[in-house]
Amino acid sequence: MGRYVIRRLLQMIPVFVGATFLIFVMVYALGDPVAALFGDRGPDPATAAALRAEFNLDKPLWQQYLLYMGKIFTGDFGTAFNGQPVTELMERAFPISLRLALVALTFEIVLGILLGVVTGLRRGRSLDTTVLLLTLAVIAVPTFVLGTTAQFFLGVEFGWIDPAVSPDARLDELIVPGLILALVSLAYVTRLTRTSVAENARADYIRTAVAKGLPRGRVTVRHLLRNSLIPVVTYLGADLGTLMAGAIVTERIFNIQGVGYQLYQGILRQNAPTVVGFVIVLVLIFLLANLLVDLLYAVLDPRIRYA
């Protein structure tokens, strides 16, 4: 196991370098951040030259990347064009988005897996058909429609929630936004679990366990569900990074000042240090989440061994 983890960590290095370099090139090479900072007015040549020298924009692109990455390894993610360190933006944004992602992930795990198991064991019945139709409807409706509808009825019409989340983003305020963020992924988790449970329910080892007289609940939880969760865990591992980065729409609707909000502001204002810094951290989250998923395979299926 130890050698496998070391090998996977070494494999992450070229992936991390390649992904971060592409992000850096797309943000810094496609457009002029200094010109975008001043809008239509345009900066005077002396000011533009000073800013380019301050942010190393007067150097070749490969040298800019090396200088930037060298600072990152010391914990310096640069300074936004408004003079605020990017790390300060991260300290405020990432805890908020992490809470929102954990709320959404909890809905996906609890409701998605529960509905998937129930429908998988009752495949072809009315409950199964109803859940499949509901999940299809959730997948078909865009997130911004679900979010604005929930905000209008629950926040404006009935007053059950605040239409906008406070800057502190307390956990109780994130329940409805977390559910909206999780709905599409929840539908996919339900369908994945249903398919996997229905397939494994006809396997020989399940029939053998039932023939031995084991309680039905034990067979379902310890044998059927455990082996059926591998594709679901794969999806959830990738979805964790997606929830952190893909909450732009949800955070904009409910005024949640997390990662999605900061990325939106950075892209809108072409604030390159903010965009690159946040995306680099998200790349690390994706890589670590996939490593964790691979390690969970051995926990779920004892037949899997890592050398």
C-alpha atoms as a PDB file:
ATOM      1  CA  MET A   1       0.000   0.000   0.000  1.00  0.00           C
ATOM      2  CA  GLY A   2       2.788   2.421   0.908  1.00  0.00           C
ATOM      3  CA  ARG A   3       4.596   1.878  -2.394  1.00  0.00           C
ATOM      4  CA  TYR A   4       1.347   2.349  -4.282  1.00  0.00           C
ATOM      5  CA  VAL A   5       0.667   5.677  -2.553  1.00  0.00           C
ATOM      6  CA  ILE A   6       4.211   6.883  -3.281  1.00  0.00           C
ATOM      7  CA  ARG A   7       3.870   5.842  -6.915  1.00  0.00           C
ATOM      8  CA  ARG A   8       0.551   7.646  -7.248  1.00  0.00           C
ATOM      9  CA  LEU A   9       1.976  10.802  -5.646  1.00  0.00           C
ATOM     10  CA  LEU A  10       4.870  10.737  -8.113  1.00  0.00           C
ATOM     11  CA  GLN A  11       2.409  10.323 -10.981  1.00  0.00           C
ATOM     12  CA  MET A  12       0.583  13.424  -9.787  1.00  0.00           C
ATOM     13  CA  ILE A  13       3.631  15.631 -10.360  1.00  0.00           C
ATOM     14  CA  PRO A  14       3.552  15.693 -14.207  1.00  0.00           C
ATOM     15  CA  VAL A  15      -0.253  15.944 -14.127  1.00  0.00           C
ATOM     16  CA  PHE A  16      -0.066  18.908 -11.756  1.00  0.00           C
ATOM     17  CA  VAL A  17       2.669  20.636 -13.797  1.00  0.00           C
ATOM     18  CA  GLY A  18       0.825  20.093 -17.085  1.00  0.00           C
ATOM     19  CA  ALA A  19      -2.550  21.243 -15.747  1.00  0.00           C
ATOM     20  CA  THR A  20      -1.173  24.335 -14.022  1.00  0.00           C
ATOM     21  CA  PHE A  21       0.897  25.308 -17.073  1.00  0.00           C
ATOM     22  CA  LEU A  22      -2.157  25.077 -19.351  1.00  0.00           C
ATOM     23  CA  ILE A  23      -4.173  27.180 -16.909  1.00  0.00           C
ATOM     24  CA  PHE A  24      -1.378  29.734 -16.695  1.00  0.00           C
ATOM     25  CA  VAL A  25      -1.058  29.959 -20.467  1.00  0.00           C
ATOM     26  CA  MET A  26      -4.806  30.295 -21.028  1.00  0.00           C
ATOM     27  CA  VAL A  27      -5.142  33.080 -18.462  1.00  0.00           C
ATOM     28  CA  TYR A  28      -1.973  35.071 -19.090  1.00  0.00           C
ATOM     29  CA  ALA A  29      -1.334  34.494 -22.809  1.00  0.00           C
ATOM     30  CA  LEU A  30      -4.904  35.001 -24.049  1.00  0.00           C
ATOM     31  CA  GLY A  31      -5.376  38.699 -23.426  1.00  0.00           C
ATOM     32  CA  ASP A  32      -3.642  41.519 -21.597  1.00  0.00           C
ATOM     33  CA  PRO A  33      -4.482  41.593 -17.846  1.00  0.00           C
ATOM     34  CA  VAL A  34      -3.056  45.102 -17.435  1.00  0.00           C
ATOM     35  CA  ALA A  35      -5.185  46.528 -20.254  1.00  0.00           C
ATOM     36  CA  ALA A  36      -8.251  44.758 -18.859  1.00  0.00           C
ATOM     37  CA  LEU A  37      -7.584  46.321 -15.452  1.00  0.00           C
ATOM     38  CA  PHE A  38      -8.140  49.829 -16.843  1.00  0.00           C
ATOM     39  CA  GLY A  39     -11.080  48.976 -19.101  1.00  0.00           C
ATOM     40  CA  ASP A  40     -11.834  51.149 -22.104  1.00  0.00           C
ATOM     41  CA  ARG A  41      -9.737  54.090 -20.909  1.00  0.00           C
ATOM     42  CA  GLY A  42      -6.437  52.266 -21.224  1.00  0.00           C
ATOM     43  CA  PRO A  43      -3.391  52.938 -19.021  1.00  0.00           C
ATOM     44  CA  ASP A  44      -0.634  55.362 -19.876  1.00  0.00           C
ATOM     45  CA  PRO A  45       2.572  53.650 -21.094  1.00  0.00           C
ATOM     46  CA  ALA A  46       4.559  54.350 -17.904  1.00  0.00           C
ATOM     47  CA  THR A  47       1.876  52.915 -15.612  1.00  0.00           C
ATOM     48  CA  ALA A  48       1.377  49.884 -17.838  1.00  0.00           C
ATOM     49  CA  ALA A  49       5.117  49.203 -17.902  1.00  0.00           C
ATOM     50  CA  ALA A  50       5.356  49.500 -14.100  1.00  0.00           C
ATOM     51  CA  LEU A  51       2.471  47.073 -13.583  1.00  0.00           C
ATOM     52  CA  ARG A  52       3.890  44.570 -16.053  1.00  0.00           C
ATOM     53  CA  ALA A  53       7.230  44.702 -14.264  1.00  0.00           C
ATOM     54  CA  GLU A  54       5.540  44.285 -10.854  1.00  0.00           C
ATOM     55  CA  PHE A  55       3.611  41.186 -11.959  1.00  0.00           C
ATOM     56  CA  ASN A  56       6.480  39.821 -14.152  1.00  0.00           C
ATOM     57  CA  LEU A  57       4.350  40.256 -17.263  1.00  0.00           C
ATOM     58  CA  ASP A  58       7.314  41.760 -19.143  1.00  0.00           C
ATOM     59  CA  LYS A  59       9.153  38.431 -19.100  1.00  0.00           C
ATOM     60  CA  PRO A  60       8.749  35.398 -21.416  1.00  0.00           C
ATOM     61  CA  LEU A  61       5.775  33.206 -20.610  1.00  0.00           C
ATOM     62  CA  TRP A  62       7.823  30.199 -19.491  1.00  0.00           C
ATOM     63  CA  GLN A  63       9.796  32.421 -17.129  1.00  0.00           C
ATOM     64  CA  GLN A  64       6.589  33.927 -15.742  1.00  0.00           C
ATOM     65  CA  TYR A  65       5.331  30.405 -15.021  1.00  0.00           C
ATOM     66  CA  LEU A  66       8.538  29.339 -13.251  1.00  0.00           C
ATOM     67  CA  LEU A  67       8.593  32.489 -11.135  1.00  0.00           C
ATOM     68  CA  TYR A  68       4.935  32.066 -10.245  1.00  0.00           C
ATOM     69  CA  MET A  69       5.273  28.399  -9.292  1.00  0.00           C
ATOM     70  CA  GLY A  70       8.380  29.163  -7.263  1.00  0.00           C
ATOM     71  CA  LYS A  71       6.370  31.627  -5.176  1.00  0.00           C
ATOM     72  CA  ILE A  72       3.499  29.157  -4.769  1.00  0.00           C
ATOM     73  CA  PHE A  73       5.749  26.569  -3.125  1.00  0.00           C
ATOM     74  CA  THR A  74       6.583  29.186  -0.498  1.00  0.00           C
ATOM     75  CA  GLY A  75       2.881  29.861   0.099  1.00  0.00           C
ATOM     76  CA  ASP A  76       2.744  33.080  -1.931  1.00  0.00           C
ATOM     77  CA  PHE A  77      -0.078  32.972  -4.486  1.00  0.00           C
ATOM     78  CA  GLY A  78       0.572  36.512  -5.608  1.00  0.00           C
ATOM     79  CA  THR A  79      -1.407  39.707  -5.246  1.00  0.00           C
ATOM     80  CA  ALA A  80      -4.663  40.562  -6.938  1.00  0.00           C
ATOM     81  CA  PHE A  81      -4.776  43.669  -9.071  1.00  0.00           C
ATOM     82  CA  ASN A  82      -6.616  45.481  -6.276  1.00  0.00           C
ATOM     83  CA  GLY A  83      -3.594  45.014  -3.999  1.00  0.00           C
ATOM     84  CA  GLN A  84      -5.122  42.251  -1.837  1.00  0.00           C
ATOM     85  CA  PRO A  85      -3.111  39.022  -1.398  1.00  0.00           C
ATOM     86  CA  VAL A  86      -4.781  36.051  -3.073  1.00  0.00           C
ATOM     87  CA  THR A  87      -4.209  33.952   0.059  1.00  0.00           C
ATOM     88  CA  GLU A  88      -6.526  36.282   2.003  1.00  0.00           C
ATOM     89  CA  LEU A  89      -9.268  35.692  -0.568  1.00  0.00           C
ATOM     90  CA  MET A  90      -8.665  31.942  -0.255  1.00  0.00           C
ATOM     91  CA  GLU A  91      -8.859  32.023   3.539  1.00  0.00           C
ATOM     92  CA  ARG A  92     -12.361  33.473   3.317  1.00  0.00           C
ATOM     93  CA  ALA A  93     -13.653  31.633   0.256  1.00  0.00           C
ATOM     94  CA  PHE A  94     -12.495  28.028   0.644  1.00  0.00           C
ATOM     95  CA  PRO A  95     -14.016  27.352   4.105  1.00  0.00           C
ATOM     96  CA  ILE A  96     -17.381  28.624   2.830  1.00  0.00           C
ATOM     97  CA  SER A  97     -17.286  26.505  -0.337  1.00  0.00           C
ATOM     98  CA  LEU A  98     -16.053  23.502   1.644  1.00  0.00           C
ATOM     99  CA  ARG A  99     -19.071  23.729   3.967  1.00  0.00           C
ATOM    100  CA  LEU A 100     -21.375  24.094   0.979  1.00  0.00           C
ATOM    101  CA  ALA A 101     -19.736  21.121  -0.778  1.00  0.00           C
ATOM    102  CA  LEU A 102     -19.994  18.944   2.351  1.00  0.00           C
ATOM    103  CA  VAL A 103     -23.700  19.783   2.707  1.00  0.00           C
ATOM    104  CA  ALA A 104     -24.249  18.886  -0.954  1.00  0.00           C
ATOM    105  CA  LEU A 105     -22.153  15.712  -0.631  1.00  0.00           C
ATOM    106  CA  THR A 106     -24.170  14.644   2.419  1.00  0.00           C
ATOM    107  CA  PHE A 107     -27.400  14.937   0.429  1.00  0.00           C
ATOM    108  CA  GLU A 108     -25.856  12.935  -2.408  1.00  0.00           C
ATOM    109  CA  ILE A 109     -24.602  10.146  -0.139  1.00  0.00           C
ATOM    110  CA  VAL A 110     -27.641   9.817   2.117  1.00  0.00           C
ATOM    111  CA  LEU A 111     -30.519  10.429  -0.304  1.00  0.00           C
ATOM    112  CA  GLY A 112     -28.813   9.238  -3.484  1.00  0.00           C
ATOM    113  CA  ILE A 113     -27.592   5.918  -2.139  1.00  0.00           C
ATOM    114  CA  LEU A 114     -30.793   5.290  -0.166  1.00  0.00           C
ATOM    115  CA  LEU A 115     -33.013   5.896  -3.196  1.00  0.00           C
ATOM    116  CA  GLY A 116     -30.651   3.868  -5.368  1.00  0.00           C
ATOM    117  CA  VAL A 117     -30.758   0.847  -3.071  1.00  0.00           C
ATOM    118  CA  VAL A 118     -34.532   0.977  -2.673  1.00  0.00           C
ATOM    119  CA  THR A 119     -35.182   1.297  -6.411  1.00  0.00           C
ATOM    120  CA  GLY A 120     -32.495  -1.259  -7.278  1.00  0.00           C
ATOM    121  CA  LEU A 121     -34.151  -3.863  -5.058  1.00  0.00           C
ATOM    122  CA  ARG A 122     -37.564  -2.996  -6.535  1.00  0.00           C
ATOM    123  CA  ARG A 123     -36.544  -2.671 -10.150  1.00  0.00           C
ATOM    124  CA  GLY A 124     -39.453  -2.384 -12.563  1.00  0.00           C
ATOM    125  CA  ARG A 125     -42.030  -1.508  -9.910  1.00  0.00           C
ATOM    126  CA  SER A 126     -43.974   1.725  -9.593  1.00  0.00           C
ATOM    127  CA  LEU A 127     -41.560   3.252  -7.037  1.00  0.00           C
ATOM    128  CA  ASP A 128     -38.626   2.550  -9.335  1.00  0.00           C
ATOM    129  CA  THR A 129     -40.376   4.156 -12.292  1.00  0.00           C
ATOM    130  CA  THR A 130     -41.362   7.223 -10.255  1.00  0.00           C
ATOM    131  CA  VAL A 131     -37.822   7.808  -8.970  1.00  0.00           C
ATOM    132  CA  LEU A 132     -36.361   7.360 -12.454  1.00  0.00           C
ATOM    133  CA  LEU A 133     -38.766   9.963 -13.857  1.00  0.00           C
ATOM    134  CA  LEU A 134     -37.957  12.398 -11.049  1.00  0.00           C
ATOM    135  CA  THR A 135     -34.202  12.013 -11.512  1.00  0.00           C
ATOM    136  CA  LEU A 136     -34.601  12.522 -15.249  1.00  0.00           C
ATOM    137  CA  ALA A 137     -36.554  15.720 -14.621  1.00  0.00           C
ATOM    138  CA  VAL A 138     -33.880  16.993 -12.226  1.00  0.00           C
ATOM    139  CA  ILE A 139     -31.136  16.301 -14.765  1.00  0.00           C
ATOM    140  CA  ALA A 140     -33.105  18.024 -17.531  1.00  0.00           C
ATOM    141  CA  VAL A 141     -33.826  21.248 -15.618  1.00  0.00           C
ATOM    142  CA  PRO A 142     -30.836  23.655 -15.411  1.00  0.00           C
ATOM    143  CA  THR A 143     -29.435  24.439 -11.967  1.00  0.00           C
ATOM    144  CA  PHE A 144     -30.087  28.180 -12.276  1.00  0.00           C
ATOM    145  CA  VAL A 145     -33.797  27.457 -12.848  1.00  0.00           C
ATOM    146  CA  LEU A 146     -33.997  25.213  -9.783  1.00  0.00           C
ATOM    147  CA  GLY A 147     -32.031  27.709  -7.710  1.00  0.00           C
ATOM    148  CA  THR A 148     -34.010  30.811  -8.633  1.00  0.00           C
ATOM    149  CA  THR A 149     -37.305  28.945  -8.235  1.00  0.00           C
ATOM    150  CA  ALA A 150     -36.371  27.714  -4.754  1.00  0.00           C
ATOM    151  CA  GLN A 151     -35.100  31.157  -3.808  1.00  0.00           C
ATOM    152  CA  PHE A 152     -38.303  32.854  -4.968  1.00  0.00           C
ATOM    153  CA  PHE A 153     -40.799  30.514  -3.339  1.00  0.00           C
ATOM    154  CA  LEU A 154     -38.906  29.559  -0.153  1.00  0.00           C
ATOM    155  CA  GLY A 155     -37.259  32.937   0.409  1.00  0.00           C
ATOM    156  CA  VAL A 156     -39.594  35.551  -1.061  1.00  0.00           C
ATOM    157  CA  GLU A 157     -43.094  34.069  -1.164  1.00  0.00           C
ATOM    158  CA  PHE A 158     -43.106  31.945   2.012  1.00  0.00           C
ATOM    159  CA  GLY A 159     -40.203  33.511   3.918  1.00  0.00           C
ATOM    160  CA  TRP A 160     -38.908  30.154   5.150  1.00  0.00           C
ATOM    161  CA  ILE A 161     -35.293  31.029   4.301  1.00  0.00           C
ATOM    162  CA  ASP A 162     -33.288  34.178   3.687  1.00  0.00           C
ATOM    163  CA  PRO A 163     -33.097  34.851  -0.068  1.00  0.00           C
ATOM    164  CA  ALA A 164     -29.403  35.712   0.291  1.00  0.00           C
ATOM    165  CA  VAL A 165     -26.877  33.960   2.504  1.00  0.00           C
ATOM    166  CA  SER A 166     -25.023  36.127   5.027  1.00  0.00           C
ATOM    167  CA  PRO A 167     -21.261  36.749   4.567  1.00  0.00           C
ATOM    168  CA  ASP A 168     -20.527  34.263   7.378  1.00  0.00           C
ATOM    169  CA  ALA A 169     -22.446  31.536   5.495  1.00  0.00           C
ATOM    170  CA  ARG A 170     -23.648  29.646   8.556  1.00  0.00           C
ATOM    171  CA  LEU A 171     -24.326  25.939   8.138  1.00  0.00           C
ATOM    172  CA  ASP A 172     -28.093  26.300   8.550  1.00  0.00           C
ATOM    173  CA  GLU A 173     -28.148  28.902   5.755  1.00  0.00           C
ATOM    174  CA  LEU A 174     -26.388  26.500   3.374  1.00  0.00           C
ATOM    175  CA  ILE A 175     -28.946  23.678   3.554  1.00  0.00           C
ATOM    176  CA  VAL A 176     -31.158  24.867   0.685  1.00  0.00           C
ATOM    177  CA  PRO A 177     -28.236  26.054  -1.517  1.00  0.00           C
ATOM    178  CA  GLY A 178     -26.476  22.757  -0.784  1.00  0.00           C
ATOM    179  CA  LEU A 179     -29.537  20.791  -1.837  1.00  0.00           C
ATOM    180  CA  ILE A 180     -29.833  22.818  -5.060  1.00  0.00           C
ATOM    181  CA  LEU A 181     -26.140  22.275  -5.765  1.00  0.00           C
ATOM    182  CA  ALA A 182     -26.471  18.538  -5.088  1.00  0.00           C
ATOM    183  CA  LEU A 183     -29.665  17.820  -7.038  1.00  0.00           C
ATOM    184  CA  VAL A 184     -28.112  16.943 -10.407  1.00  0.00           C
ATOM    185  CA  SER A 185     -25.326  14.856  -8.861  1.00  0.00           C
ATOM    186  CA  LEU A 186     -27.861  13.274  -6.499  1.00  0.00           C
ATOM    187  CA  ALA A 187     -29.862  12.118  -9.506  1.00  0.00           C
ATOM    188  CA  TYR A 188     -26.773  10.525 -11.055  1.00  0.00           C
ATOM    189  CA  VAL A 189     -25.798   8.864  -7.755  1.00  0.00           C
ATOM    190  CA  THR A 190     -29.310   7.419  -7.485  1.00  0.00           C
ATOM    191  CA  ARG A 191     -29.151   6.017 -11.005  1.00  0.00           C
ATOM    192  CA  LEU A 192     -25.623   4.625 -10.551  1.00  0.00           C
ATOM    193  CA  THR A 193     -26.527   2.957  -7.258  1.00  0.00           C
ATOM    194  CA  ARG A 194     -29.765   1.562  -8.672  1.00  0.00           C
ATOM    195  CA  THR A 195     -28.027   0.014 -11.680  1.00  0.00           C
ATOM    196  CA  SER A 196     -25.178  -1.435  -9.628  1.00  0.00           C
ATOM    197  CA  VAL A 197     -27.480  -2.850  -6.933  1.00  0.00           C
ATOM    198  CA  ALA A 198     -29.843  -4.384  -9.493  1.00  0.00           C
ATOM    199  CA  GLU A 199     -26.917  -6.022 -11.291  1.00  0.00           C
ATOM    200  CA  ASN A 200     -25.201  -7.371  -8.166  1.00  0.00           C
ATOM    201  CA  ALA A 201     -28.496  -8.602  -6.672  1.00  0.00           C
ATOM    202  CA  ARG A 202     -28.479 -11.385  -9.285  1.00  0.00           C
ATOM    203  CA  ALA A 203     -24.860 -12.385  -8.584  1.00  0.00           C
ATOM    204  CA  ASP A 204     -23.984 -15.860  -7.315  1.00  0.00           C
ATOM    205  CA  TYR A 205     -22.495 -14.676  -4.030  1.00  0.00           C
ATOM    206  CA  ILE A 206     -25.750 -12.919  -3.104  1.00  0.00           C
ATOM    207  CA  ARG A 207     -27.820 -16.005  -3.856  1.00  0.00           C
ATOM    208  CA  THR A 208     -25.361 -18.087  -1.802  1.00  0.00           C
ATOM    209  CA  ALA A 209     -25.600 -15.708   1.162  1.00  0.00           C
ATOM    210  CA  VAL A 210     -29.406 -15.829   1.036  1.00  0.00           C
ATOM    211  CA  ALA A 211     -29.354 -19.634   0.737  1.00  0.00           C
ATOM    212  CA  LYS A 212     -27.198 -19.852   3.861  1.00  0.00           C
ATOM    213  CA  GLY A 213     -29.975 -18.145   5.796  1.00  0.00           C
ATOM    214  CA  LEU A 214     -28.250 -14.838   6.467  1.00  0.00           C
ATOM    215  CA  PRO A 215     -30.624 -12.004   7.421  1.00  0.00           C
ATOM    216  CA  ARG A 216     -31.773  -9.990   4.430  1.00  0.00           C
ATOM    217  CA  GLY A 217     -30.592  -6.727   5.955  1.00  0.00           C
ATOM    218  CA  ARG A 218     -27.096  -8.098   6.538  1.00  0.00           C
ATOM    219  CA  VAL A 219     -26.897  -9.421   2.988  1.00  0.00           C
ATOM    220  CA  THR A 220     -27.971  -6.052   1.604  1.00  0.00           C
ATOM    221  CA  VAL A 221     -25.649  -3.890   3.701  1.00  0.00           C
ATOM    222  CA  ARG A 222     -22.515  -6.018   4.076  1.00  0.00           C
ATOM    223  CA  HIS A 223     -22.481  -7.838   0.755  1.00  0.00           C
ATOM    224  CA  LEU A 224     -24.727  -6.234  -1.853  1.00  0.00           C
ATOM    225  CA  LEU A 225     -24.285  -2.543  -0.997  1.00  0.00           C
ATOM    226  CA  ARG A 226     -20.571  -2.790  -0.272  1.00  0.00           C
ATOM    227  CA  ASN A 227     -19.718  -4.216  -3.676  1.00  0.00           C
ATOM    228  CA  SER A 228     -22.186  -1.942  -5.440  1.00  0.00           C
ATOM    229  CA  LEU A 229     -20.610   1.262  -4.145  1.00  0.00           C
ATOM    230  CA  ILE A 230     -17.406   1.159  -6.205  1.00  0.00           C
ATOM    231  CA  PRO A 231     -18.793   3.073  -9.236  1.00  0.00           C
ATOM    232  CA  VAL A 232     -20.662   5.410  -6.880  1.00  0.00           C
ATOM    233  CA  VAL A 233     -17.511   6.209  -4.892  1.00  0.00           C
ATOM    234  CA  THR A 234     -15.685   6.870  -8.165  1.00  0.00           C
ATOM    235  CA  TYR A 235     -18.319   9.399  -9.148  1.00  0.00           C
ATOM    236  CA  LEU A 236     -18.442  11.027  -5.694  1.00  0.00           C
ATOM    237  CA  GLY A 237     -14.660  11.436  -5.602  1.00  0.00           C
ATOM    238  CA  ALA A 238     -14.652  13.336  -8.870  1.00  0.00           C
ATOM    239  CA  ASP A 239     -17.770  15.235  -7.837  1.00  0.00           C
ATOM    240  CA  LEU A 240     -16.126  16.661  -4.706  1.00  0.00           C
ATOM    241  CA  GLY A 241     -13.826  18.795  -6.819  1.00  0.00           C
ATOM    242  CA  THR A 242     -16.698  19.659  -9.120  1.00  0.00           C
ATOM    243  CA  LEU A 243     -18.793  20.832  -6.180  1.00  0.00           C
ATOM    244  CA  MET A 244     -15.959  23.063  -4.997  1.00  0.00           C
ATOM    245  CA  ALA A 245     -15.365  24.588  -8.428  1.00  0.00           C
ATOM    246  CA  GLY A 246     -18.756  24.289 -10.077  1.00  0.00           C
ATOM    247  CA  ALA A 247     -20.788  26.194  -7.516  1.00  0.00           C
ATOM    248  CA  ILE A 248     -20.517  29.452  -9.469  1.00  0.00           C
ATOM    249  CA  VAL A 249     -24.206  29.472 -10.429  1.00  0.00           C
ATOM    250  CA  THR A 250     -25.464  28.449  -6.995  1.00  0.00           C
ATOM    251  CA  GLU A 251     -23.196  30.890  -5.179  1.00  0.00           C
ATOM    252  CA  ARG A 252     -24.258  33.722  -7.455  1.00  0.00           C
ATOM    253  CA  ILE A 253     -27.965  32.998  -6.900  1.00  0.00           C
ATOM    254  CA  PHE A 254     -27.729  32.885  -3.099  1.00  0.00           C
ATOM    255  CA  ASN A 255     -24.911  35.474  -2.804  1.00  0.00           C
ATOM    256  CA  ILE A 256     -22.498  32.992  -1.242  1.00  0.00           C
ATOM    257  CA  GLN A 257     -19.008  34.482  -1.256  1.00  0.00           C
ATOM    258  CA  GLY A 258     -17.088  31.265  -1.787  1.00  0.00           C
ATOM    259  CA  VAL A 259     -14.757  29.897  -4.448  1.00  0.00           C
ATOM    260  CA  GLY A 260     -17.322  30.158  -7.232  1.00  0.00           C
ATOM    261  CA  TYR A 261     -18.018  33.786  -6.350  1.00  0.00           C
ATOM    262  CA  GLN A 262     -14.306  34.683  -6.335  1.00  0.00           C
ATOM    263  CA  LEU A 263     -13.710  32.878  -9.631  1.00  0.00           C
ATOM    264  CA  TYR A 264     -16.644  34.694 -11.202  1.00  0.00           C
ATOM    265  CA  GLN A 265     -15.319  38.058 -10.018  1.00  0.00           C
ATOM    266  CA  GLY A 266     -11.813  37.187 -11.173  1.00  0.00           C
ATOM    267  CA  ILE A 267     -12.961  36.126 -14.632  1.00  0.00           C
ATOM    268  CA  LEU A 268     -15.280  39.125 -14.961  1.00  0.00           C
ATOM    269  CA  ARG A 269     -12.498  41.572 -14.088  1.00  0.00           C
ATOM    270  CA  GLN A 270      -9.770  39.495 -15.787  1.00  0.00           C
ATOM    271  CA  ASN A 271      -7.930  39.322 -12.468  1.00  0.00           C
ATOM    272  CA  ALA A 272      -5.382  36.725 -13.543  1.00  0.00           C
ATOM    273  CA  PRO A 273      -3.602  36.097 -10.177  1.00  0.00           C
ATOM    274  CA  THR A 274      -6.925  35.317  -8.483  1.00  0.00           C
ATOM    275  CA  VAL A 275      -8.143  32.967 -11.221  1.00  0.00           C
ATOM    276  CA  VAL A 276      -4.859  31.063 -11.535  1.00  0.00           C
ATOM    277  CA  GLY A 277      -4.362  30.774  -7.757  1.00  0.00           C
ATOM    278  CA  PHE A 278      -7.832  29.412  -7.093  1.00  0.00           C
ATOM    279  CA  VAL A 279      -7.740  26.978 -10.007  1.00  0.00           C
ATOM    280  CA  ILE A 280      -4.357  25.597  -8.922  1.00  0.00           C
ATOM    281  CA  VAL A 281      -5.775  24.752  -5.491  1.00  0.00           C
ATOM    282  CA  LEU A 282      -8.783  23.112  -7.173  1.00  0.00           C
ATOM    283  CA  VAL A 283      -6.418  20.982  -9.280  1.00  0.00           C
ATOM    284  CA  LEU A 284      -4.799  19.743  -6.071  1.00  0.00           C
ATOM    285  CA  ILE A 285      -8.220  18.942  -4.617  1.00  0.00           C
ATOM    286  CA  PHE A 286      -9.124  16.922  -7.716  1.00  0.00           C
ATOM    287  CA  LEU A 287      -5.857  14.945  -7.565  1.00  0.00           C
ATOM    288  CA  LEU A 288      -6.129  14.174  -3.840  1.00  0.00           C
ATOM    289  CA  ALA A 289      -9.806  13.229  -4.145  1.00  0.00           C
ATOM    290  CA  ASN A 290      -8.972  10.720  -6.900  1.00  0.00           C
ATOM    291  CA  LEU A 291      -6.176   9.239  -4.779  1.00  0.00           C
ATOM    292  CA  LEU A 292      -8.592   8.838  -1.866  1.00  0.00           C
ATOM    293  CA  VAL A 293     -11.091   7.099  -4.163  1.00  0.00           C
ATOM    294  CA  ASP A 294      -8.464   4.602  -5.302  1.00  0.00           C
ATOM    295  CA  LEU A 295      -7.598   3.788  -1.689  1.00  0.00           C
ATOM    296  CA  LEU A 296     -11.279   3.320  -0.820  1.00  0.00           C
ATOM    297  CA  TYR A 297     -11.573   0.621  -3.484  1.00  0.00           C
ATOM    298  CA  ALA A 298      -9.548  -1.748  -1.294  1.00  0.00           C
ATOM    299  CA  VAL A 299     -11.798  -0.978   1.684  1.00  0.00           C
ATOM    300  CA  LEU A 300     -14.990  -1.711  -0.233  1.00  0.00           C
ATOM    301  CA  ASP A 301     -13.729  -4.798  -2.094  1.00  0.00           C
ATOM    302  CA  PRO A 302     -11.294  -7.047  -0.176  1.00  0.00           C
ATOM    303  CA  ARG A 303     -10.264  -8.676  -3.450  1.00  0.00           C
ATOM    304  CA  ILE A 304      -8.491  -5.456  -4.497  1.00  0.00           C
ATOM    305  CA  ARG A 305      -4.877  -5.307  -3.342  1.00  0.00           C
ATOM    306  CA  TYR A 306      -2.304  -2.615  -4.042  1.00  0.00           C
ATOM    307  CA  ALA A 307       1.334  -3.615  -4.345  1.00  0.00           C
END
